[in-house]
Amino acid sequence: MTDLFPTTPNVDSSHECFSLSLSVELKSSNLWISNYTPYQQELFDIISKYHEEEGWNFKQISDWLVENNYKTPRGKVFTQPHVWSIYKKKIKSITRFSREFPHVITDMKVDSLN
């Protein structure tokens, strides 16, 4: 039977051996989980669809939401500022939590083992 992990490395003395050690710093903004309720997400999806795809202004969207018996997440009748606020805040959140950061390598060291 072959020993898969020998206690002493099988090293050919004619080759140099090296050891590499380094530290990597990772930053991530996408580890956060949204606390949006399904209803809040539904409202944002409706608002963004009509605003971005159909070109409606926020007053037109608030009128549509009222006509279709939607209420704000706090149970009030929709107005233009409600719609604008929902849209603006969610877009800001998406932008903030989808950022990417470069990986940083520090303390890199190469040692000769011979």
N, C-alpha and C. Protein backbone atom coordinates (compact mmCIF):
# COMPACT_ATOMS: atom_id res chain seq x y z
N MET A 1 0.84 -1.18 0.00
CA MET A 1 0.00 0.00 0.00
C MET A 1 0.88 1.24 0.00
N THR A 2 0.48 2.26 -0.77
CA THR A 2 1.25 3.49 -0.88
C THR A 2 0.82 4.45 0.21
N ASP A 3 1.81 5.08 0.84
CA ASP A 3 1.53 6.06 1.88
C ASP A 3 1.19 7.39 1.20
N LEU A 4 -0.05 7.85 1.32
CA LEU A 4 -0.47 9.08 0.64
C LEU A 4 0.10 10.33 1.29
N PHE A 5 0.35 10.28 2.58
CA PHE A 5 0.86 11.44 3.30
C PHE A 5 2.13 11.05 4.06
N PRO A 6 3.26 10.98 3.39
CA PRO A 6 4.49 10.58 4.09
C PRO A 6 4.87 11.62 5.14
N THR A 7 5.56 11.15 6.16
CA THR A 7 5.96 12.06 7.23
C THR A 7 7.12 12.95 6.80
N THR A 8 7.94 12.47 5.90
CA THR A 8 9.02 13.31 5.38
C THR A 8 8.79 13.47 3.89
N PRO A 9 8.90 14.68 3.39
CA PRO A 9 8.65 14.88 1.96
C PRO A 9 9.71 14.20 1.11
N ASN A 10 9.28 13.70 0.00
CA ASN A 10 10.20 13.09 -0.96
C ASN A 10 10.74 14.22 -1.83
N VAL A 11 11.90 14.74 -1.46
CA VAL A 11 12.44 15.92 -2.13
C VAL A 11 13.69 15.54 -2.88
N ASP A 12 13.70 15.91 -4.13
CA ASP A 12 14.90 15.71 -4.95
C ASP A 12 15.85 16.85 -4.62
N SER A 13 17.02 16.56 -4.16
CA SER A 13 17.94 17.61 -3.70
C SER A 13 18.44 18.50 -4.83
N SER A 14 18.20 18.12 -6.08
CA SER A 14 18.66 18.95 -7.19
C SER A 14 17.69 20.09 -7.49
N HIS A 15 16.47 20.10 -6.88
CA HIS A 15 15.49 21.16 -7.09
C HIS A 15 15.32 21.96 -5.81
N GLU A 16 15.12 23.23 -5.98
CA GLU A 16 14.86 24.06 -4.80
C GLU A 16 13.38 23.98 -4.45
N CYS A 17 13.06 24.06 -3.17
CA CYS A 17 11.68 24.05 -2.71
C CYS A 17 11.38 25.40 -2.06
N PHE A 18 10.18 25.86 -2.28
CA PHE A 18 9.78 27.15 -1.74
C PHE A 18 8.47 27.03 -0.98
N SER A 19 8.29 27.94 -0.09
CA SER A 19 7.04 28.05 0.66
C SER A 19 6.48 29.44 0.41
N LEU A 20 5.20 29.52 0.12
CA LEU A 20 4.53 30.80 -0.13
C LEU A 20 3.49 31.02 0.95
N SER A 21 3.54 32.17 1.58
CA SER A 21 2.49 32.53 2.55
C SER A 21 2.01 33.94 2.23
N LEU A 22 0.73 34.16 2.40
CA LEU A 22 0.16 35.47 2.13
C LEU A 22 -1.15 35.63 2.88
N SER A 23 -1.58 36.86 2.99
CA SER A 23 -2.87 37.19 3.57
C SER A 23 -3.71 37.85 2.49
N VAL A 24 -4.99 37.51 2.45
CA VAL A 24 -5.91 38.09 1.47
C VAL A 24 -7.03 38.77 2.24
N GLU A 25 -7.26 40.04 1.92
CA GLU A 25 -8.34 40.80 2.55
C GLU A 25 -9.51 40.86 1.57
N LEU A 26 -10.65 40.36 2.01
CA LEU A 26 -11.86 40.36 1.17
C LEU A 26 -12.91 41.26 1.80
N LYS A 27 -13.52 42.09 1.00
CA LYS A 27 -14.65 42.91 1.43
C LYS A 27 -15.83 42.55 0.55
N SER A 28 -16.99 42.47 1.16
CA SER A 28 -18.19 42.14 0.40
C SER A 28 -19.36 42.95 0.93
N SER A 29 -20.16 43.44 0.02
CA SER A 29 -21.36 44.19 0.43
C SER A 29 -22.61 43.36 0.24
N ASN A 30 -22.48 42.16 -0.29
CA ASN A 30 -23.68 41.38 -0.59
C ASN A 30 -23.95 40.27 0.44
N LEU A 31 -23.45 40.41 1.65
CA LEU A 31 -23.74 39.44 2.70
C LEU A 31 -24.98 39.83 3.49
N TRP A 32 -25.50 41.00 3.20
CA TRP A 32 -26.68 41.51 3.89
C TRP A 32 -27.92 40.92 3.25
N ILE A 33 -28.90 40.60 4.08
CA ILE A 33 -30.17 40.06 3.58
C ILE A 33 -31.26 41.12 3.76
N SER A 34 -32.00 41.39 2.71
CA SER A 34 -33.05 42.39 2.74
C SER A 34 -34.16 41.99 3.70
N ASN A 35 -34.66 42.96 4.44
CA ASN A 35 -35.79 42.69 5.32
C ASN A 35 -37.10 43.19 4.69
N TYR A 36 -37.10 43.29 3.37
CA TYR A 36 -38.31 43.66 2.63
C TYR A 36 -39.34 42.52 2.76
N THR A 37 -40.58 42.90 2.99
CA THR A 37 -41.64 41.88 2.99
C THR A 37 -42.00 41.58 1.54
N PRO A 38 -42.67 40.46 1.29
CA PRO A 38 -43.11 40.18 -0.08
C PRO A 38 -44.01 41.30 -0.64
N TYR A 39 -44.82 41.92 0.22
CA TYR A 39 -45.69 43.01 -0.23
C TYR A 39 -44.86 44.23 -0.66
N GLN A 40 -43.84 44.55 0.14
CA GLN A 40 -42.97 45.69 -0.22
C GLN A 40 -42.26 45.41 -1.54
N GLN A 41 -41.80 44.18 -1.73
CA GLN A 41 -41.13 43.82 -2.99
C GLN A 41 -42.10 43.92 -4.15
N GLU A 42 -43.36 43.48 -3.94
CA GLU A 42 -44.37 43.58 -4.99
C GLU A 42 -44.61 45.04 -5.38
N LEU A 43 -44.70 45.91 -4.37
CA LEU A 43 -44.89 47.35 -4.66
C LEU A 43 -43.72 47.90 -5.46
N PHE A 44 -42.49 47.58 -5.03
CA PHE A 44 -41.32 48.07 -5.76
C PHE A 44 -41.32 47.55 -7.20
N ASP A 45 -41.65 46.28 -7.37
CA ASP A 45 -41.68 45.71 -8.73
C ASP A 45 -42.69 46.43 -9.61
N ILE A 46 -43.86 46.73 -9.07
CA ILE A 46 -44.89 47.46 -9.83
C ILE A 46 -44.39 48.86 -10.18
N ILE A 47 -43.86 49.55 -9.18
CA ILE A 47 -43.39 50.93 -9.38
C ILE A 47 -42.27 50.97 -10.41
N SER A 48 -41.28 50.08 -10.27
CA SER A 48 -40.15 50.12 -11.20
C SER A 48 -40.59 49.73 -12.61
N LYS A 49 -41.52 48.78 -12.73
CA LYS A 49 -42.01 48.40 -14.06
C LYS A 49 -42.66 49.59 -14.76
N TYR A 50 -43.59 50.24 -14.07
CA TYR A 50 -44.28 51.35 -14.72
C TYR A 50 -43.38 52.56 -14.93
N HIS A 51 -42.44 52.79 -14.03
CA HIS A 51 -41.56 53.95 -14.18
C HIS A 51 -40.49 53.70 -15.25
N GLU A 52 -39.82 52.54 -15.19
CA GLU A 52 -38.69 52.28 -16.09
C GLU A 52 -39.12 51.76 -17.46
N GLU A 53 -40.10 50.87 -17.49
CA GLU A 53 -40.49 50.26 -18.76
C GLU A 53 -41.57 51.04 -19.49
N GLU A 54 -42.54 51.55 -18.74
CA GLU A 54 -43.66 52.25 -19.37
C GLU A 54 -43.46 53.76 -19.43
N GLY A 55 -42.49 54.28 -18.66
CA GLY A 55 -42.21 55.71 -18.68
C GLY A 55 -43.20 56.57 -17.91
N TRP A 56 -43.95 55.95 -16.99
CA TRP A 56 -44.91 56.71 -16.20
C TRP A 56 -44.19 57.54 -15.14
N ASN A 57 -44.81 58.69 -14.79
CA ASN A 57 -44.28 59.46 -13.67
C ASN A 57 -44.87 58.92 -12.37
N PHE A 58 -44.35 59.40 -11.24
CA PHE A 58 -44.76 58.85 -9.96
C PHE A 58 -46.21 59.19 -9.59
N LYS A 59 -46.73 60.28 -10.10
CA LYS A 59 -48.13 60.63 -9.88
C LYS A 59 -49.04 59.62 -10.58
N GLN A 60 -48.70 59.29 -11.83
CA GLN A 60 -49.50 58.31 -12.57
C GLN A 60 -49.46 56.94 -11.87
N ILE A 61 -48.31 56.57 -11.36
CA ILE A 61 -48.19 55.29 -10.67
C ILE A 61 -48.99 55.29 -9.38
N SER A 62 -48.93 56.40 -8.62
CA SER A 62 -49.70 56.45 -7.37
C SER A 62 -51.19 56.39 -7.67
N ASP A 63 -51.65 57.05 -8.73
CA ASP A 63 -53.07 56.97 -9.11
C ASP A 63 -53.46 55.53 -9.46
N TRP A 64 -52.60 54.82 -10.20
CA TRP A 64 -52.87 53.44 -10.57
C TRP A 64 -52.96 52.55 -9.33
N LEU A 65 -52.03 52.76 -8.39
CA LEU A 65 -52.03 51.96 -7.16
C LEU A 65 -53.31 52.20 -6.35
N VAL A 66 -53.76 53.45 -6.29
CA VAL A 66 -55.00 53.77 -5.56
C VAL A 66 -56.19 53.12 -6.25
N GLU A 67 -56.25 53.23 -7.58
CA GLU A 67 -57.35 52.63 -8.34
C GLU A 67 -57.41 51.11 -8.18
N ASN A 68 -56.26 50.49 -7.95
CA ASN A 68 -56.19 49.04 -7.84
C ASN A 68 -56.12 48.58 -6.38
N ASN A 69 -56.55 49.49 -5.47
CA ASN A 69 -56.71 49.17 -4.04
C ASN A 69 -55.43 48.76 -3.32
N TYR A 70 -54.30 49.28 -3.75
CA TYR A 70 -53.06 49.06 -3.01
C TYR A 70 -52.96 50.13 -1.93
N LYS A 71 -52.37 49.75 -0.82
CA LYS A 71 -52.09 50.68 0.27
C LYS A 71 -50.58 50.71 0.49
N THR A 72 -50.10 51.75 1.14
CA THR A 72 -48.68 51.80 1.49
C THR A 72 -48.41 50.69 2.51
N PRO A 73 -47.15 50.36 2.75
CA PRO A 73 -46.85 49.33 3.75
C PRO A 73 -47.40 49.65 5.14
N ARG A 74 -47.68 50.91 5.42
CA ARG A 74 -48.27 51.30 6.71
C ARG A 74 -49.78 51.49 6.63
N GLY A 75 -50.38 51.08 5.51
CA GLY A 75 -51.83 51.09 5.39
C GLY A 75 -52.46 52.40 4.95
N LYS A 76 -51.69 53.32 4.41
CA LYS A 76 -52.24 54.61 3.97
C LYS A 76 -52.51 54.60 2.47
N VAL A 77 -53.24 55.60 2.02
CA VAL A 77 -53.53 55.76 0.59
C VAL A 77 -52.27 56.31 -0.09
N PHE A 78 -51.95 55.75 -1.24
CA PHE A 78 -50.74 56.16 -1.95
C PHE A 78 -50.83 57.59 -2.47
N THR A 79 -49.72 58.30 -2.35
CA THR A 79 -49.55 59.61 -2.98
C THR A 79 -48.24 59.56 -3.77
N GLN A 80 -48.02 60.59 -4.57
CA GLN A 80 -46.80 60.64 -5.38
C GLN A 80 -45.54 60.55 -4.52
N PRO A 81 -45.43 61.26 -3.38
CA PRO A 81 -44.21 61.15 -2.57
C PRO A 81 -43.98 59.73 -2.01
N HIS A 82 -45.05 58.99 -1.70
CA HIS A 82 -44.89 57.61 -1.23
C HIS A 82 -44.20 56.77 -2.30
N VAL A 83 -44.70 56.88 -3.53
CA VAL A 83 -44.18 56.09 -4.64
C VAL A 83 -42.73 56.46 -4.91
N TRP A 84 -42.44 57.75 -4.95
CA TRP A 84 -41.08 58.22 -5.20
C TRP A 84 -40.14 57.72 -4.11
N SER A 85 -40.56 57.77 -2.86
CA SER A 85 -39.73 57.35 -1.73
C SER A 85 -39.43 55.85 -1.80
N ILE A 86 -40.41 55.02 -2.08
CA ILE A 86 -40.20 53.58 -2.19
C ILE A 86 -39.19 53.29 -3.30
N TYR A 87 -39.38 53.93 -4.43
CA TYR A 87 -38.49 53.72 -5.58
C TYR A 87 -37.07 54.17 -5.27
N LYS A 88 -36.94 55.39 -4.77
CA LYS A 88 -35.62 55.97 -4.51
C LYS A 88 -34.85 55.16 -3.49
N LYS A 89 -35.49 54.78 -2.40
CA LYS A 89 -34.80 54.06 -1.33
C LYS A 89 -34.36 52.67 -1.76
N LYS A 90 -35.20 51.98 -2.52
CA LYS A 90 -34.82 50.63 -2.96
C LYS A 90 -33.70 50.68 -3.99
N ILE A 91 -33.73 51.64 -4.89
CA ILE A 91 -32.65 51.79 -5.87
C ILE A 91 -31.34 52.09 -5.14
N LYS A 92 -31.39 52.95 -4.14
CA LYS A 92 -30.20 53.27 -3.35
C LYS A 92 -29.67 52.02 -2.65
N SER A 93 -30.57 51.21 -2.10
CA SER A 93 -30.19 49.97 -1.42
C SER A 93 -29.56 48.98 -2.40
N ILE A 94 -30.16 48.82 -3.55
CA ILE A 94 -29.62 47.90 -4.56
C ILE A 94 -28.21 48.34 -4.96
N THR A 95 -28.03 49.63 -5.18
CA THR A 95 -26.73 50.15 -5.57
C THR A 95 -25.70 49.91 -4.47
N ARG A 96 -26.07 50.18 -3.24
CA ARG A 96 -25.13 50.04 -2.12
C ARG A 96 -24.74 48.59 -1.90
N PHE A 97 -25.68 47.67 -1.99
CA PHE A 97 -25.39 46.29 -1.67
C PHE A 97 -24.97 45.45 -2.87
N SER A 98 -24.77 46.06 -4.00
CA SER A 98 -24.25 45.32 -5.15
C SER A 98 -22.85 45.81 -5.54
N ARG A 99 -22.25 46.63 -4.67
CA ARG A 99 -20.89 47.10 -4.94
C ARG A 99 -19.91 45.94 -4.89
N GLU A 100 -18.83 46.09 -5.64
CA GLU A 100 -17.76 45.11 -5.62
C GLU A 100 -16.48 45.80 -5.19
N PHE A 101 -15.69 45.09 -4.41
CA PHE A 101 -14.44 45.63 -3.91
C PHE A 101 -13.29 44.76 -4.41
N PRO A 102 -12.12 45.35 -4.66
CA PRO A 102 -10.98 44.54 -5.09
C PRO A 102 -10.43 43.73 -3.91
N HIS A 103 -9.90 42.55 -4.21
CA HIS A 103 -9.24 41.75 -3.19
C HIS A 103 -7.84 42.32 -2.97
N VAL A 104 -7.40 42.38 -1.74
CA VAL A 104 -6.09 42.95 -1.42
C VAL A 104 -5.22 41.84 -0.84
N ILE A 105 -4.06 41.63 -1.47
CA ILE A 105 -3.10 40.64 -0.98
C ILE A 105 -2.04 41.39 -0.19
N THR A 106 -1.82 40.96 1.05
CA THR A 106 -0.82 41.61 1.90
C THR A 106 0.07 40.54 2.52
N ASP A 107 1.16 40.97 3.07
CA ASP A 107 2.09 40.09 3.79
C ASP A 107 2.49 38.86 2.96
N MET A 108 2.82 39.08 1.71
CA MET A 108 3.22 37.96 0.87
C MET A 108 4.70 37.68 1.12
N LYS A 109 5.02 36.41 1.31
CA LYS A 109 6.38 36.03 1.63
C LYS A 109 6.70 34.70 0.97
N VAL A 110 7.89 34.62 0.35
CA VAL A 110 8.37 33.38 -0.25
C VAL A 110 9.65 32.99 0.48
N ASP A 111 9.67 31.77 0.98
CA ASP A 111 10.84 31.27 1.69
C ASP A 111 11.41 30.06 0.96
N SER A 112 12.73 29.98 0.96
CA SER A 112 13.38 28.80 0.40
C SER A 112 13.44 27.75 1.50
N LEU A 113 13.09 26.50 1.18
CA LEU A 113 13.08 25.43 2.16
C LEU A 113 14.38 24.62 2.14
N ASN A 114 15.32 24.99 1.31
CA ASN A 114 16.59 24.24 1.24
C ASN A 114 17.59 24.80 2.20
